[in-house]
C-alpha atoms as a PDB file:
ATOM      1  CA  MET A   1      -0.021  -0.032   0.046  1.00  0.00           C
ATOM      2  CA  LYS A   2       1.612   3.711  -0.849  1.00  0.00           C
ATOM      3  CA  ALA A   3       1.834   5.933   1.882  1.00  0.00           C
ATOM      4  CA  GLU A   4      -0.681   8.489   2.502  1.00  0.00           C
ATOM      5  CA  ILE A   5       0.961  12.320   1.647  1.00  0.00           C
ATOM      6  CA  ALA A   6       0.466  15.020   3.265  1.00  0.00           C
ATOM      7  CA  VAL A   7       1.667  18.783   1.529  1.00  0.00           C
ATOM      8  CA  MET A   8       2.618  21.746   4.051  1.00  0.00           C
ATOM      9  CA  THR A   9       4.582  24.465   4.679  1.00  0.00           C
ATOM     10  CA  ALA A  10       6.694  25.836   7.889  1.00  0.00           C
ATOM     11  CA  GLU A  11       4.458  28.533   7.835  1.00  0.00           C
ATOM     12  CA  ASN A  12       1.220  27.037   6.958  1.00  0.00           C
ATOM     13  CA  ILE A  13       1.399  23.605   8.534  1.00  0.00           C
ATOM     14  CA  ASP A  14      -1.842  21.619   7.897  1.00  0.00           C
ATOM     15  CA  ARG A  15      -2.980  20.735  11.356  1.00  0.00           C
ATOM     16  CA  LYS A  16      -5.344  18.080  10.622  1.00  0.00           C
ATOM     17  CA  ALA A  17      -2.959  16.167   9.116  1.00  0.00           C
ATOM     18  CA  ILE A  18      -0.130  16.446  11.424  1.00  0.00           C
ATOM     19  CA  ALA A  19      -2.810  15.346  14.152  1.00  0.00           C
ATOM     20  CA  ARG A  20      -3.595  12.180  11.800  1.00  0.00           C
ATOM     21  CA  GLY A  21       0.424  11.503  11.390  1.00  0.00           C
ATOM     22  CA  GLY A  22       0.676  11.827  15.437  1.00  0.00           C
ATOM     23  CA  GLU A  23      -2.166   9.008  15.462  1.00  0.00           C
ATOM     24  CA  ILE A  24      -0.004   7.138  13.142  1.00  0.00           C
ATOM     25  CA  LEU A  25       2.924   7.113  15.077  1.00  0.00           C
ATOM     26  CA  LYS A  26       1.045   6.572  18.561  1.00  0.00           C
ATOM     27  CA  ASN A  27      -0.483   3.543  17.140  1.00  0.00           C
ATOM     28  CA  GLY A  28       3.109   2.076  16.193  1.00  0.00           C
ATOM     29  CA  GLY A  29       2.731   3.155  12.111  1.00  0.00           C
ATOM     30  CA  LEU A  30       5.655   4.736  10.437  1.00  0.00           C
ATOM     31  CA  VAL A  31       5.560   8.385   9.379  1.00  0.00           C
ATOM     32  CA  ALA A  32       8.529  10.221   7.222  1.00  0.00           C
ATOM     33  CA  PHE A  33       9.077  13.749   7.649  1.00  0.00           C
ATOM     34  CA  PRO A  34      11.091  17.105   7.369  1.00  0.00           C
ATOM     35  CA  THR A  35      13.890  18.244   9.684  1.00  0.00           C
ATOM     36  CA  GLU A  36      15.547  20.823   9.056  1.00  0.00           C
ATOM     37  CA  THR A  37      18.676  18.358   8.142  1.00  0.00           C
ATOM     38  CA  VAL A  38      17.294  15.527   6.333  1.00  0.00           C
ATOM     39  CA  TYR A  39      14.075  13.690   6.229  1.00  0.00           C
ATOM     40  CA  GLY A  40      13.055  11.215   9.329  1.00  0.00           C
ATOM     41  CA  LEU A  41      11.891   8.102   9.077  1.00  0.00           C
ATOM     42  CA  GLY A  42       9.237   8.371  12.565  1.00  0.00           C
ATOM     43  CA  GLY A  43       8.256   5.425  14.813  1.00  0.00           C
ATOM     44  CA  ASN A  44       6.721   6.014  18.767  1.00  0.00           C
ATOM     45  CA  ALA A  45      10.982   5.799  20.692  1.00  0.00           C
ATOM     46  CA  LEU A  46       9.062   4.410  23.285  1.00  0.00           C
ATOM     47  CA  ASP A  47       7.518   1.357  21.122  1.00  0.00           C
ATOM     48  CA  PRO A  48       9.509  -1.647  20.977  1.00  0.00           C
ATOM     49  CA  LYS A  49       7.453  -2.988  18.045  1.00  0.00           C
ATOM     50  CA  ALA A  50       7.477   0.430  16.250  1.00  0.00           C
ATOM     51  CA  SER A  51      11.676   0.463  16.209  1.00  0.00           C
ATOM     52  CA  MET A  52      11.825  -3.102  14.682  1.00  0.00           C
ATOM     53  CA  LYS A  53       9.377  -1.397  11.802  1.00  0.00           C
ATOM     54  CA  ILE A  54      12.005   1.164  11.399  1.00  0.00           C
ATOM     55  CA  TYR A  55      14.692  -1.477  11.314  1.00  0.00           C
ATOM     56  CA  ALA A  56      12.923  -3.548   8.675  1.00  0.00           C
ATOM     57  CA  ALA A  57      11.774  -0.539   6.786  1.00  0.00           C
ATOM     58  CA  LYS A  58      15.490   0.909   6.296  1.00  0.00           C
ATOM     59  CA  GLY A  59      17.622  -3.011   5.749  1.00  0.00           C
ATOM     60  CA  ARG A  60      19.059  -1.139   9.012  1.00  0.00           C
ATOM     61  CA  PRO A  61      20.592  -3.416  11.257  1.00  0.00           C
ATOM     62  CA  SER A  62      18.646  -3.731  15.149  1.00  0.00           C
ATOM     63  CA  ASP A  63      22.102  -2.915  16.688  1.00  0.00           C
ATOM     64  CA  ASN A  64      22.981   0.196  14.997  1.00  0.00           C
ATOM     65  CA  PRO A  65      20.683   2.558  17.394  1.00  0.00           C
ATOM     66  CA  LEU A  66      18.090   4.838  16.454  1.00  0.00           C
ATOM     67  CA  ILE A  67      17.750   8.862  17.437  1.00  0.00           C
ATOM     68  CA  VAL A  68      15.387  10.491  19.490  1.00  0.00           C
ATOM     69  CA  HIS A  69      13.643  13.425  18.819  1.00  0.00           C
ATOM     70  CA  ILE A  70      11.833  15.566  20.820  1.00  0.00           C
ATOM     71  CA  ALA A  71      10.264  18.750  20.632  1.00  0.00           C
ATOM     72  CA  ASP A  72      10.195  19.976  24.257  1.00  0.00           C
ATOM     73  CA  ILE A  73      13.562  20.239  26.759  1.00  0.00           C
ATOM     74  CA  ARG A  74      11.942  19.150  29.448  1.00  0.00           C
ATOM     75  CA  ASP A  75      11.054  15.925  28.243  1.00  0.00           C
ATOM     76  CA  LEU A  76      14.927  15.461  28.231  1.00  0.00           C
ATOM     77  CA  ASP A  77      14.958  14.410  31.674  1.00  0.00           C
ATOM     78  CA  LYS A  78      12.599  11.434  31.111  1.00  0.00           C
ATOM     79  CA  ILE A  79      14.558   9.942  28.639  1.00  0.00           C
ATOM     80  CA  VAL A  80      17.651  10.120  30.245  1.00  0.00           C
ATOM     81  CA  THR A  81      19.004   9.222  34.250  1.00  0.00           C
ATOM     82  CA  GLU A  82      21.735  12.250  33.706  1.00  0.00           C
ATOM     83  CA  VAL A  83      22.456  15.450  31.628  1.00  0.00           C
ATOM     84  CA  PRO A  84      26.372  16.433  32.842  1.00  0.00           C
ATOM     85  CA  GLU A  85      27.049  20.296  33.135  1.00  0.00           C
ATOM     86  CA  LYS A  86      28.787  20.256  29.657  1.00  0.00           C
ATOM     87  CA  ALA A  87      25.798  18.686  27.491  1.00  0.00           C
ATOM     88  CA  ARG A  88      23.449  20.993  29.461  1.00  0.00           C
ATOM     89  CA  VAL A  89      25.544  24.044  28.176  1.00  0.00           C
ATOM     90  CA  LEU A  90      25.745  22.705  24.514  1.00  0.00           C
ATOM     91  CA  ALA A  91      21.671  22.314  24.244  1.00  0.00           C
ATOM     92  CA  GLU A  92      21.649  25.440  25.547  1.00  0.00           C
ATOM     93  CA  LYS A  93      23.541  26.813  22.006  1.00  0.00           C
ATOM     94  CA  TYR A  94      22.462  24.680  19.689  1.00  0.00           C
ATOM     95  CA  TRP A  95      19.267  23.222  20.396  1.00  0.00           C
ATOM     96  CA  PRO A  96      16.942  23.152  18.824  1.00  0.00           C
ATOM     97  CA  GLY A  97      18.987  22.640  16.033  1.00  0.00           C
ATOM     98  CA  PRO A  98      21.121  19.807  14.380  1.00  0.00           C
ATOM     99  CA  LEU A  99      22.970  18.343  17.171  1.00  0.00           C
ATOM    100  CA  THR A 100      22.611  14.756  19.021  1.00  0.00           C
ATOM    101  CA  MET A 101      23.538  14.109  21.970  1.00  0.00           C
ATOM    102  CA  ILE A 102      24.350  10.830  23.351  1.00  0.00           C
ATOM    103  CA  LEU A 103      23.209  10.513  27.089  1.00  0.00           C
ATOM    104  CA  PRO A 104      22.691   7.360  29.976  1.00  0.00           C
ATOM    105  CA  ARG A 105      19.292   5.754  28.618  1.00  0.00           C
ATOM    106  CA  ALA A 106      16.154   5.741  31.493  1.00  0.00           C
ATOM    107  CA  ASP A 107      14.383   2.615  31.263  1.00  0.00           C
ATOM    108  CA  ILE A 108      11.350   4.195  29.673  1.00  0.00           C
ATOM    109  CA  VAL A 109      13.188   4.067  26.267  1.00  0.00           C
ATOM    110  CA  PRO A 110      13.385   0.296  24.831  1.00  0.00           C
ATOM    111  CA  LYS A 111      17.045  -1.479  23.967  1.00  0.00           C
ATOM    112  CA  GLU A 112      15.112  -2.167  20.611  1.00  0.00           C
ATOM    113  CA  THR A 113      15.593   1.994  20.238  1.00  0.00           C
ATOM    114  CA  THR A 114      18.767   2.030  21.475  1.00  0.00           C
ATOM    115  CA  GLY A 115      20.376  -0.757  19.488  1.00  0.00           C
ATOM    116  CA  GLY A 116      20.876  -2.898  22.842  1.00  0.00           C
ATOM    117  CA  LEU A 117      22.755  -0.380  24.602  1.00  0.00           C
ATOM    118  CA  ASP A 118      22.743   1.494  27.826  1.00  0.00           C
ATOM    119  CA  SER A 119      22.649   4.917  26.560  1.00  0.00           C
ATOM    120  CA  VAL A 120      20.485   6.996  23.660  1.00  0.00           C
ATOM    121  CA  ALA A 121      20.776   9.377  21.218  1.00  0.00           C
ATOM    122  CA  VAL A 122      18.700  12.438  21.778  1.00  0.00           C
ATOM    123  CA  ARG A 123      18.013  15.288  18.892  1.00  0.00           C
ATOM    124  CA  PHE A 124      15.722  18.629  19.776  1.00  0.00           C
ATOM    125  CA  PRO A 125      14.802  19.162  15.643  1.00  0.00           C
ATOM    126  CA  SER A 126      14.394  23.105  14.889  1.00  0.00           C
ATOM    127  CA  ASP A 127      12.392  22.613  12.003  1.00  0.00           C
ATOM    128  CA  PRO A 128       8.451  23.508  12.932  1.00  0.00           C
ATOM    129  CA  ILE A 129       6.938  20.543  10.926  1.00  0.00           C
ATOM    130  CA  ALA A 130       8.719  17.790  13.007  1.00  0.00           C
ATOM    131  CA  GLN A 131       8.192  19.469  15.975  1.00  0.00           C
ATOM    132  CA  GLU A 132       4.536  20.206  15.357  1.00  0.00           C
ATOM    133  CA  LEU A 133       4.804  16.348  14.190  1.00  0.00           C
ATOM    134  CA  ILE A 134       6.303  14.906  17.912  1.00  0.00           C
ATOM    135  CA  LEU A 135       4.336  16.556  19.877  1.00  0.00           C
ATOM    136  CA  ALA A 136       0.786  15.082  18.781  1.00  0.00           C
ATOM    137  CA  ALA A 137       2.713  11.891  18.993  1.00  0.00           C
ATOM    138  CA  GLY A 138       3.477  11.726  22.403  1.00  0.00           C
ATOM    139  CA  GLY A 139       6.790  13.647  22.601  1.00  0.00           C
ATOM    140  CA  TYR A 140       9.484  10.899  21.691  1.00  0.00           C
ATOM    141  CA  VAL A 141       9.801   9.834  17.761  1.00  0.00           C
ATOM    142  CA  ALA A 142      12.538   7.759  17.072  1.00  0.00           C
ATOM    143  CA  ALA A 143      13.824   8.812  13.279  1.00  0.00           C
ATOM    144  CA  PRO A 144      17.205   7.780  11.414  1.00  0.00           C
ATOM    145  CA  SER A 145      17.082   8.952   8.034  1.00  0.00           C
ATOM    146  CA  ALA A 146      14.126   7.738   5.580  1.00  0.00           C
ATOM    147  CA  ASN A 147      16.150   5.667   3.441  1.00  0.00           C
ATOM    148  CA  THR A 148      17.290   2.078   2.113  1.00  0.00           C
ATOM    149  CA  SER A 149      20.557   2.022   4.094  1.00  0.00           C
ATOM    150  CA  GLY A 150      23.137   2.296   1.829  1.00  0.00           C
ATOM    151  CA  ARG A 151      21.271   5.205   0.087  1.00  0.00           C
ATOM    152  CA  PRO A 152      22.234   9.144   0.414  1.00  0.00           C
ATOM    153  CA  SER A 153      19.938  10.367   2.809  1.00  0.00           C
ATOM    154  CA  PRO A 154      16.869  12.409   1.223  1.00  0.00           C
ATOM    155  CA  THR A 155      16.434  16.085   1.253  1.00  0.00           C
ATOM    156  CA  THR A 156      12.754  15.892  -0.182  1.00  0.00           C
ATOM    157  CA  ALA A 157       9.812  14.171   0.265  1.00  0.00           C
ATOM    158  CA  GLY A 158       9.750  12.959  -3.399  1.00  0.00           C
ATOM    159  CA  HIS A 159      13.138  11.214  -2.373  1.00  0.00           C
ATOM    160  CA  VAL A 160      11.044   9.096   0.326  1.00  0.00           C
ATOM    161  CA  ALA A 161       8.153   8.480  -1.517  1.00  0.00           C
ATOM    162  CA  GLU A 162      10.807   6.818  -4.263  1.00  0.00           C
ATOM    163  CA  ASP A 163      12.713   4.859  -1.997  1.00  0.00           C
ATOM    164  CA  LEU A 164       9.907   3.699   0.919  1.00  0.00           C
ATOM    165  CA  GLY A 165       6.616   4.677  -0.593  1.00  0.00           C
ATOM    166  CA  GLU A 166       5.548   1.430  -0.246  1.00  0.00           C
ATOM    167  CA  ALA A 167       7.001   0.405   3.209  1.00  0.00           C
ATOM    168  CA  ILE A 168       5.634   3.284   5.154  1.00  0.00           C
ATOM    169  CA  ASP A 169       2.043   4.663   6.281  1.00  0.00           C
ATOM    170  CA  MET A 170       2.250   8.820   5.479  1.00  0.00           C
ATOM    171  CA  ILE A 171       5.043  11.202   3.956  1.00  0.00           C
ATOM    172  CA  ILE A 172       4.421  14.796   5.449  1.00  0.00           C
ATOM    173  CA  ASP A 173       5.646  16.703   2.579  1.00  0.00           C
ATOM    174  CA  GLY A 174       7.426  19.961   3.558  1.00  0.00           C
ATOM    175  CA  GLY A 175       9.705  21.440   0.601  1.00  0.00           C
ATOM    176  CA  GLN A 176      13.311  20.963   0.688  1.00  0.00           C
ATOM    177  CA  VAL A 177      15.581  20.871   3.630  1.00  0.00           C
ATOM    178  CA  ASN A 178      17.590  23.569   4.389  1.00  0.00           C
ATOM    179  CA  ILE A 179      20.579  21.783   5.379  1.00  0.00           C
ATOM    180  CA  GLY A 180      20.954  18.596   3.526  1.00  0.00           C
ATOM    181  CA  LEU A 181      23.606  17.344   6.353  1.00  0.00           C
ATOM    182  CA  GLU A 182      22.596  14.588   9.154  1.00  0.00           C
ATOM    183  CA  SER A 183      23.166  16.509  12.796  1.00  0.00           C
ATOM    184  CA  THR A 184      26.684  16.257  14.508  1.00  0.00           C
ATOM    185  CA  ILE A 185      26.622  13.122  17.198  1.00  0.00           C
ATOM    186  CA  VAL A 186      28.350  14.220  20.613  1.00  0.00           C
ATOM    187  CA  ASP A 187      28.972  11.390  22.837  1.00  0.00           C
ATOM    188  CA  PHE A 188      28.790  12.350  26.516  1.00  0.00           C
ATOM    189  CA  THR A 189      28.893   9.264  28.425  1.00  0.00           C
ATOM    190  CA  GLU A 190      32.408   9.703  28.732  1.00  0.00           C
ATOM    191  CA  ASN A 191      34.279  12.196  30.608  1.00  0.00           C
ATOM    192  CA  ILE A 192      35.990  14.007  27.488  1.00  0.00           C
ATOM    193  CA  PRO A 193      32.756  14.873  25.108  1.00  0.00           C
ATOM    194  CA  VAL A 194      33.489  12.904  21.725  1.00  0.00           C
ATOM    195  CA  VAL A 195      32.374  13.862  18.518  1.00  0.00           C
ATOM    196  CA  LEU A 196      30.632  10.064  16.592  1.00  0.00           C
ATOM    197  CA  ARG A 197      29.381  11.610  13.467  1.00  0.00           C
ATOM    198  CA  PRO A 198      30.722  14.949  11.853  1.00  0.00           C
ATOM    199  CA  GLY A 199      28.110  17.423  10.942  1.00  0.00           C
ATOM    200  CA  TYR A 200      26.787  21.148  10.447  1.00  0.00           C
ATOM    201  CA  ILE A 201      28.157  21.846  14.021  1.00  0.00           C
ATOM    202  CA  SER A 202      31.559  21.178  13.088  1.00  0.00           C
ATOM    203  CA  LEU A 203      34.305  20.178  15.931  1.00  0.00           C
ATOM    204  CA  GLU A 204      35.586  23.841  15.820  1.00  0.00           C
ATOM    205  CA  MET A 205      32.332  25.156  17.054  1.00  0.00           C
ATOM    206  CA  LEU A 206      32.107  22.182  19.597  1.00  0.00           C
ATOM    207  CA  ARG A 207      35.620  23.017  21.343  1.00  0.00           C
ATOM    208  CA  GLU A 208      34.788  26.673  21.350  1.00  0.00           C
ATOM    209  CA  THR A 209      31.670  25.845  23.449  1.00  0.00           C
ATOM    210  CA  LEU A 210      33.264  23.249  25.535  1.00  0.00           C
ATOM    211  CA  GLY A 211      37.087  23.332  25.117  1.00  0.00           C
ATOM    212  CA  ASP A 212      38.116  20.038  25.542  1.00  0.00           C
ATOM    213  CA  VAL A 213      36.354  17.823  22.902  1.00  0.00           C
END
């Protein structure tokens, strides 16, 4: 079955379509949506079955952690057990934005979402459509890039439809994304923060804010 497609812009968000996408996610379905970096393939981050569906749709190994997207900074403390001071400093500067932080996982996050790890990757995207969908879905959406493994990360809804249109429930078409480069991932589970994936926020920018990285 082909994915349902809803077209909107950040300036003119279709509330009905967002509510529909939120319901699909709450019920364990998959929704692709725009972020400022690339299009994400969303599932309920707190539902182990939804996370397994994401891996299946992407053809991605299930030990490769998914990033949990939030849209309210207060929701961070519910899914992690600790937020080091340096992580709070970085969040204040770059959230919402293209930054993913790895922090100790709270039990509420299933290990299917974290690839079996005791840490969880968290991001607060700045795209208004992404934020509205995350809130409509209950606040926690696991979302890797919306492409099958090995293919380029999608920057338009057309790319998603071509690649995953038969495998997911809904695609929210918010037009071309702004950055087109995936988020920078910083691991805060060690004493010194470690960059696991370079992205839009460079190592120099991180060192300027935190010092030793």
